[in-house]
Amino acid sequence: MGILRYFKVLIGREDVFNPKPHPEPILKALKELNAKKEDAWMIGDTVMDMQSAKSANVNALALTCGYGMKKELECFAQNLFANPLEAVRYIAKDISRVSECPHKETVPCFV
């Protein structure tokens, strides 16, 4: 598919000692990206994704188009979206509201 060219870092189960819902995968990605927690967003489709984001203290957005059930995700996430594009648009809109956005020349960190 060639999709990996759009990502600077890929962290999988084999790259960590503690998989989700532990924060290690997110924290490792942030370290490799040299990114700050407050600038990062976790877009996920499971409760484990939301728990991992909370443990890593990063922003979390839940997708209802994947493995997780909407009712379960609602208990762990404030923002739910039908698909990834809606979530990315939300992030872009949120960033545009910030007058001193730290990512003026780049895109936000997606973990």
C-alpha atoms as a PDB file:
ATOM      1  CA  MET A   1       0.000   0.000   0.000  1.00  0.00           C
ATOM      2  CA  GLY A   2       2.912   2.373   0.562  1.00  0.00           C
ATOM      3  CA  ILE A   3       1.258   4.014   3.560  1.00  0.00           C
ATOM      4  CA  LEU A   4       4.333   3.836   5.819  1.00  0.00           C
ATOM      5  CA  ARG A   5       5.936   6.725   3.945  1.00  0.00           C
ATOM      6  CA  TYR A   6       3.418   9.024   5.664  1.00  0.00           C
ATOM      7  CA  PHE A   7       4.632   8.124   9.155  1.00  0.00           C
ATOM      8  CA  LYS A   8       7.901   9.101  10.827  1.00  0.00           C
ATOM      9  CA  VAL A   9       7.575   6.494  13.585  1.00  0.00           C
ATOM     10  CA  LEU A  10       5.807   3.162  13.827  1.00  0.00           C
ATOM     11  CA  ILE A  11       5.554   1.491  17.231  1.00  0.00           C
ATOM     12  CA  GLY A  12       4.126  -2.014  17.298  1.00  0.00           C
ATOM     13  CA  ARG A  13       3.684  -4.689  19.958  1.00  0.00           C
ATOM     14  CA  GLU A  14       7.152  -6.031  19.215  1.00  0.00           C
ATOM     15  CA  ASP A  15       8.742  -2.634  19.948  1.00  0.00           C
ATOM     16  CA  VAL A  16       7.729  -2.397  23.618  1.00  0.00           C
ATOM     17  CA  PHE A  17       7.867  -4.458  26.787  1.00  0.00           C
ATOM     18  CA  ASN A  18       4.447  -3.203  27.923  1.00  0.00           C
ATOM     19  CA  PRO A  19       1.732  -3.008  25.238  1.00  0.00           C
ATOM     20  CA  LYS A  20      -1.462  -0.964  25.445  1.00  0.00           C
ATOM     21  CA  PRO A  21      -3.191  -0.128  27.697  1.00  0.00           C
ATOM     22  CA  HIS A  22       0.198   0.686  29.231  1.00  0.00           C
ATOM     23  CA  PRO A  23       1.459   4.138  28.149  1.00  0.00           C
ATOM     24  CA  GLU A  24       4.821   2.782  26.927  1.00  0.00           C
ATOM     25  CA  PRO A  25       3.919   2.650  23.197  1.00  0.00           C
ATOM     26  CA  ILE A  26       2.775   6.271  23.191  1.00  0.00           C
ATOM     27  CA  LEU A  27       5.659   7.498  25.320  1.00  0.00           C
ATOM     28  CA  LYS A  28       8.155   5.689  23.089  1.00  0.00           C
ATOM     29  CA  ALA A  29       6.650   7.268  19.965  1.00  0.00           C
ATOM     30  CA  LEU A  30       6.762  10.710  21.571  1.00  0.00           C
ATOM     31  CA  LYS A  31      10.395  10.223  22.517  1.00  0.00           C
ATOM     32  CA  GLU A  32      11.360   9.125  19.004  1.00  0.00           C
ATOM     33  CA  LEU A  33       9.464  12.095  17.542  1.00  0.00           C
ATOM     34  CA  ASN A  34      10.945  14.458  20.132  1.00  0.00           C
ATOM     35  CA  ALA A  35       7.374  15.624  20.752  1.00  0.00           C
ATOM     36  CA  LYS A  36       5.604  16.999  23.802  1.00  0.00           C
ATOM     37  CA  LYS A  37       2.664  15.222  25.399  1.00  0.00           C
ATOM     38  CA  GLU A  38       0.481  18.315  25.223  1.00  0.00           C
ATOM     39  CA  ASP A  39       0.952  18.453  21.443  1.00  0.00           C
ATOM     40  CA  ALA A  40       0.107  14.783  20.853  1.00  0.00           C
ATOM     41  CA  TRP A  41      -3.171  13.126  19.939  1.00  0.00           C
ATOM     42  CA  MET A  42      -4.073   9.447  20.229  1.00  0.00           C
ATOM     43  CA  ILE A  43      -6.718   8.444  17.711  1.00  0.00           C
ATOM     44  CA  GLY A  44      -7.944   4.987  18.560  1.00  0.00           C
ATOM     45  CA  ASP A  45     -10.853   2.609  18.201  1.00  0.00           C
ATOM     46  CA  THR A  46     -10.626   0.590  21.414  1.00  0.00           C
ATOM     47  CA  VAL A  47     -10.933   1.137  25.135  1.00  0.00           C
ATOM     48  CA  MET A  48      -7.280   0.065  25.443  1.00  0.00           C
ATOM     49  CA  ASP A  49      -6.308   2.944  23.122  1.00  0.00           C
ATOM     50  CA  MET A  50      -8.186   5.413  25.329  1.00  0.00           C
ATOM     51  CA  GLN A  51      -6.688   3.964  28.517  1.00  0.00           C
ATOM     52  CA  SER A  52      -3.208   4.161  27.033  1.00  0.00           C
ATOM     53  CA  ALA A  53      -3.730   7.787  26.036  1.00  0.00           C
ATOM     54  CA  LYS A  54      -4.985   8.671  29.505  1.00  0.00           C
ATOM     55  CA  SER A  55      -2.038   6.919  31.151  1.00  0.00           C
ATOM     56  CA  ALA A  56       0.380   8.734  28.830  1.00  0.00           C
ATOM     57  CA  ASN A  57      -1.426  12.025  29.510  1.00  0.00           C
ATOM     58  CA  VAL A  58      -2.098  12.815  25.842  1.00  0.00           C
ATOM     59  CA  ASN A  59      -5.269  13.961  24.092  1.00  0.00           C
ATOM     60  CA  ALA A  60      -7.518  11.084  23.021  1.00  0.00           C
ATOM     61  CA  LEU A  61     -10.087  10.784  20.258  1.00  0.00           C
ATOM     62  CA  ALA A  62     -12.177   7.646  19.824  1.00  0.00           C
ATOM     63  CA  LEU A  63     -13.336   6.191  16.537  1.00  0.00           C
ATOM     64  CA  THR A  64     -16.573   4.252  16.333  1.00  0.00           C
ATOM     65  CA  CYS A  65     -15.686   2.651  12.990  1.00  0.00           C
ATOM     66  CA  GLY A  66     -13.280   0.057  14.373  1.00  0.00           C
ATOM     67  CA  TYR A  67     -13.116  -2.741  16.906  1.00  0.00           C
ATOM     68  CA  GLY A  68     -14.471  -0.936  19.960  1.00  0.00           C
ATOM     69  CA  MET A  69     -18.137  -0.675  20.797  1.00  0.00           C
ATOM     70  CA  LYS A  70     -19.572   2.841  20.935  1.00  0.00           C
ATOM     71  CA  LYS A  71     -21.155   2.358  24.375  1.00  0.00           C
ATOM     72  CA  GLU A  72     -17.817   1.215  25.835  1.00  0.00           C
ATOM     73  CA  LEU A  73     -15.858   4.008  24.154  1.00  0.00           C
ATOM     74  CA  GLU A  74     -18.277   6.619  25.520  1.00  0.00           C
ATOM     75  CA  CYS A  75     -17.186   5.641  29.039  1.00  0.00           C
ATOM     76  CA  PHE A  76     -13.532   6.362  28.266  1.00  0.00           C
ATOM     77  CA  ALA A  77     -13.509   9.211  25.736  1.00  0.00           C
ATOM     78  CA  GLN A  78     -15.084  12.645  25.592  1.00  0.00           C
ATOM     79  CA  ASN A  79     -14.792  12.928  21.823  1.00  0.00           C
ATOM     80  CA  LEU A  80     -16.085  10.203  19.507  1.00  0.00           C
ATOM     81  CA  PHE A  81     -15.949  10.280  15.729  1.00  0.00           C
ATOM     82  CA  ALA A  82     -17.413   8.103  13.000  1.00  0.00           C
ATOM     83  CA  ASN A  83     -14.147   7.924  11.052  1.00  0.00           C
ATOM     84  CA  PRO A  84     -10.489   9.024  11.108  1.00  0.00           C
ATOM     85  CA  LEU A  85     -11.079  11.982   8.787  1.00  0.00           C
ATOM     86  CA  GLU A  86     -13.560  13.513  11.234  1.00  0.00           C
ATOM     87  CA  ALA A  87     -11.012  13.120  14.049  1.00  0.00           C
ATOM     88  CA  VAL A  88      -8.222  14.745  12.027  1.00  0.00           C
ATOM     89  CA  ARG A  89     -10.517  17.633  11.089  1.00  0.00           C
ATOM     90  CA  TYR A  90     -11.313  18.098  14.780  1.00  0.00           C
ATOM     91  CA  ILE A  91      -7.611  18.301  15.584  1.00  0.00           C
ATOM     92  CA  ALA A  92      -6.982  20.761  12.751  1.00  0.00           C
ATOM     93  CA  LYS A  93      -9.859  22.940  13.952  1.00  0.00           C
ATOM     94  CA  ASP A  94      -8.602  22.788  17.541  1.00  0.00           C
ATOM     95  CA  ILE A  95      -5.105  23.813  16.495  1.00  0.00           C
ATOM     96  CA  SER A  96      -6.419  26.696  14.393  1.00  0.00           C
ATOM     97  CA  ARG A  97      -8.089  28.108  17.526  1.00  0.00           C
ATOM     98  CA  VAL A  98      -4.737  28.406  19.283  1.00  0.00           C
ATOM     99  CA  SER A  99      -3.145  31.779  18.547  1.00  0.00           C
ATOM    100  CA  GLU A 100       0.404  30.655  19.324  1.00  0.00           C
ATOM    101  CA  CYS A 101       0.246  27.196  17.796  1.00  0.00           C
ATOM    102  CA  PRO A 102       3.589  25.371  18.221  1.00  0.00           C
ATOM    103  CA  HIS A 103       3.015  23.614  14.889  1.00  0.00           C
ATOM    104  CA  LYS A 104       2.721  26.582  12.548  1.00  0.00           C
ATOM    105  CA  GLU A 105       4.886  24.945   9.920  1.00  0.00           C
ATOM    106  CA  THR A 106       4.127  21.287  10.604  1.00  0.00           C
ATOM    107  CA  VAL A 107       1.278  18.960  11.456  1.00  0.00           C
ATOM    108  CA  PRO A 108       0.407  17.795  14.974  1.00  0.00           C
ATOM    109  CA  CYS A 109       1.904  14.639  16.393  1.00  0.00           C
ATOM    110  CA  PHE A 110      -0.335  11.663  15.766  1.00  0.00           C
ATOM    111  CA  VAL A 111       0.445   8.661  17.880  1.00  0.00           C
END
